[in-house]
Amino acid sequence: MECMLMGVDRISFRNSDNELVEMGHLYVLSDFDEDQEDCAGQQVAKMNFDYAATKELMELTFPCKVDLQINLKGKVKKVILKKGQGNDGK
C-alpha cells in the first residue's frame, strides 16, 4: 500500500503482570479507496509496527512516501522508502 508516512512513535510499559510491553506505531496518510462512497479528501491511520524497527524509522525526514507491505491479517511487515525524498533509502 503506497502512502505518506507522517510520523512514528514507540512506547513501552509494564502490564498488570509486570511484563514489559513494547509497541511501535506508524502514522500514515493515504487516499480513500476509489470504490468508497461518501468520502472526500484523505484518511489518516495509526498502525502497529515492530518496536525495534520503529527506532530506525525515527531518523527519517517526515513526511515521506513509503510502500507498506501488509500481510493478510493487516499487520505491517515491512516499510519500503520511495527514492528521491532526501532520505537514504534504507
C-alpha atoms as a PDB file:
ATOM      1  CA  MET A   1       0.000   0.000   0.000  1.00  0.00           C
ATOM      2  CA  GLU A   2       1.523   3.294  -1.070  1.00  0.00           C
ATOM      3  CA  CYS A   3       1.013   6.114   1.408  1.00  0.00           C
ATOM      4  CA  MET A   4       2.638   9.088   3.094  1.00  0.00           C
ATOM      5  CA  LEU A   5       4.379   8.303   6.384  1.00  0.00           C
ATOM      6  CA  MET A   6       3.698  11.298   8.623  1.00  0.00           C
ATOM      7  CA  GLY A   7       5.463  10.109  11.779  1.00  0.00           C
ATOM      8  CA  VAL A   8       6.344   7.241  14.124  1.00  0.00           C
ATOM      9  CA  ASP A   9       6.419   6.633  17.851  1.00  0.00           C
ATOM     10  CA  ARG A  10       7.463   3.945  20.324  1.00  0.00           C
ATOM     11  CA  ILE A  11       6.077   3.224  23.751  1.00  0.00           C
ATOM     12  CA  SER A  12       6.902   0.724  26.464  1.00  0.00           C
ATOM     13  CA  PHE A  13       5.206  -0.016  29.774  1.00  0.00           C
ATOM     14  CA  ARG A  14       4.668  -2.780  32.295  1.00  0.00           C
ATOM     15  CA  ASN A  15       1.313  -4.546  32.241  1.00  0.00           C
ATOM     16  CA  SER A  16      -0.632  -5.809  35.250  1.00  0.00           C
ATOM     17  CA  ASP A  17       1.543  -8.964  35.307  1.00  0.00           C
ATOM     18  CA  ASN A  18       4.669  -6.757  35.423  1.00  0.00           C
ATOM     19  CA  GLU A  19       5.668  -7.887  31.910  1.00  0.00           C
ATOM     20  CA  LEU A  20       7.346  -5.332  29.668  1.00  0.00           C
ATOM     21  CA  VAL A  21       5.140  -4.423  26.691  1.00  0.00           C
ATOM     22  CA  GLU A  22       6.797  -2.621  23.751  1.00  0.00           C
ATOM     23  CA  MET A  23       4.913  -1.210  20.769  1.00  0.00           C
ATOM     24  CA  GLY A  24       5.753   0.895  17.757  1.00  0.00           C
ATOM     25  CA  HIS A  25       3.271   2.924  15.707  1.00  0.00           C
ATOM     26  CA  LEU A  26       3.248   4.341  12.201  1.00  0.00           C
ATOM     27  CA  TYR A  27       1.071   7.343  11.358  1.00  0.00           C
ATOM     28  CA  VAL A  28       0.131   7.244   7.675  1.00  0.00           C
ATOM     29  CA  LEU A  29      -1.888   9.405   5.308  1.00  0.00           C
ATOM     30  CA  SER A  30      -3.457   7.833   2.224  1.00  0.00           C
ATOM     31  CA  ASP A  31      -6.208   8.321  -0.332  1.00  0.00           C
ATOM     32  CA  PHE A  32      -9.558   6.664   0.166  1.00  0.00           C
ATOM     33  CA  ASP A  33     -10.179   3.583  -1.988  1.00  0.00           C
ATOM     34  CA  GLU A  34     -11.794   4.533  -5.289  1.00  0.00           C
ATOM     35  CA  ASP A  35     -14.823   2.335  -4.579  1.00  0.00           C
ATOM     36  CA  GLN A  36     -15.634   4.034  -1.239  1.00  0.00           C
ATOM     37  CA  GLU A  37     -18.632   6.323  -1.449  1.00  0.00           C
ATOM     38  CA  ASP A  38     -19.403   9.357   0.699  1.00  0.00           C
ATOM     39  CA  CYS A  39     -15.708  10.153   1.283  1.00  0.00           C
ATOM     40  CA  ALA A  40     -13.655  13.215   0.443  1.00  0.00           C
ATOM     41  CA  GLY A  41     -10.014  14.097   0.953  1.00  0.00           C
ATOM     42  CA  GLN A  42      -7.607  11.680   2.582  1.00  0.00           C
ATOM     43  CA  GLN A  43      -7.648   9.278   5.516  1.00  0.00           C
ATOM     44  CA  VAL A  44      -5.249   9.056   8.440  1.00  0.00           C
ATOM     45  CA  ALA A  45      -4.393   5.814  10.245  1.00  0.00           C
ATOM     46  CA  LYS A  46      -2.339   4.715  13.248  1.00  0.00           C
ATOM     47  CA  MET A  47      -0.816   1.306  12.540  1.00  0.00           C
ATOM     48  CA  ASN A  48       1.099  -1.029  14.844  1.00  0.00           C
ATOM     49  CA  PHE A  49       4.674  -1.837  13.870  1.00  0.00           C
ATOM     50  CA  ASP A  50       7.703  -3.608  15.319  1.00  0.00           C
ATOM     51  CA  TYR A  51       9.156  -1.718  18.316  1.00  0.00           C
ATOM     52  CA  ALA A  52      12.821  -2.244  17.358  1.00  0.00           C
ATOM     53  CA  ALA A  53      12.310  -1.368  13.682  1.00  0.00           C
ATOM     54  CA  THR A  54      10.482   1.840  14.588  1.00  0.00           C
ATOM     55  CA  LYS A  55      13.685   3.285  16.098  1.00  0.00           C
ATOM     56  CA  GLU A  56      15.429   3.196  12.699  1.00  0.00           C
ATOM     57  CA  LEU A  57      12.455   4.967  11.095  1.00  0.00           C
ATOM     58  CA  MET A  58      12.702   7.813  13.629  1.00  0.00           C
ATOM     59  CA  GLU A  59      15.791   9.067  11.805  1.00  0.00           C
ATOM     60  CA  LEU A  60      13.835   9.825   8.607  1.00  0.00           C
ATOM     61  CA  THR A  61      12.725  13.234   7.409  1.00  0.00           C
ATOM     62  CA  PHE A  62       8.921  13.396   7.594  1.00  0.00           C
ATOM     63  CA  PRO A  63       6.609  13.286   5.767  1.00  0.00           C
ATOM     64  CA  CYS A  64       7.926  10.721   3.287  1.00  0.00           C
ATOM     65  CA  LYS A  65       6.392   8.414   0.705  1.00  0.00           C
ATOM     66  CA  VAL A  66       6.518   4.716   1.568  1.00  0.00           C
ATOM     67  CA  ASP A  67       5.180   1.400   0.385  1.00  0.00           C
ATOM     68  CA  LEU A  68       3.833  -0.648   3.304  1.00  0.00           C
ATOM     69  CA  GLN A  69       3.984  -4.420   2.928  1.00  0.00           C
ATOM     70  CA  ILE A  70       0.949  -5.719   4.838  1.00  0.00           C
ATOM     71  CA  ASN A  71       0.066  -9.368   5.469  1.00  0.00           C
ATOM     72  CA  LEU A  72      -3.424 -10.886   5.112  1.00  0.00           C
ATOM     73  CA  LYS A  73      -4.182 -10.129   8.770  1.00  0.00           C
ATOM     74  CA  GLY A  74      -3.489  -6.417   8.228  1.00  0.00           C
ATOM     75  CA  LYS A  75      -0.148  -6.383  10.070  1.00  0.00           C
ATOM     76  CA  VAL A  76       2.605  -4.167   8.642  1.00  0.00           C
ATOM     77  CA  LYS A  77       5.561  -6.435   7.899  1.00  0.00           C
ATOM     78  CA  LYS A  78       7.884  -4.042   6.053  1.00  0.00           C
ATOM     79  CA  VAL A  79       8.279  -0.349   5.211  1.00  0.00           C
ATOM     80  CA  ILE A  80       9.916   0.443   1.861  1.00  0.00           C
ATOM     81  CA  LEU A  81      11.007   4.056   1.308  1.00  0.00           C
ATOM     82  CA  LYS A  82      10.393   5.691  -2.029  1.00  0.00           C
ATOM     83  CA  LYS A  83      13.575   7.209  -3.514  1.00  0.00           C
ATOM     84  CA  GLY A  84      14.316  10.871  -4.059  1.00  0.00           C
ATOM     85  CA  GLN A  85      12.993  12.327  -0.803  1.00  0.00           C
ATOM     86  CA  GLY A  86      16.192  13.309   0.944  1.00  0.00           C
ATOM     87  CA  ASN A  87      16.264  10.082   2.965  1.00  0.00           C
ATOM     88  CA  ASP A  88      18.969   7.483   2.384  1.00  0.00           C
ATOM     89  CA  GLY A  89      16.554   4.837   1.063  1.00  0.00           C
ATOM     90  CA  LYS A  90      17.079   2.295   3.847  1.00  0.00           C
END
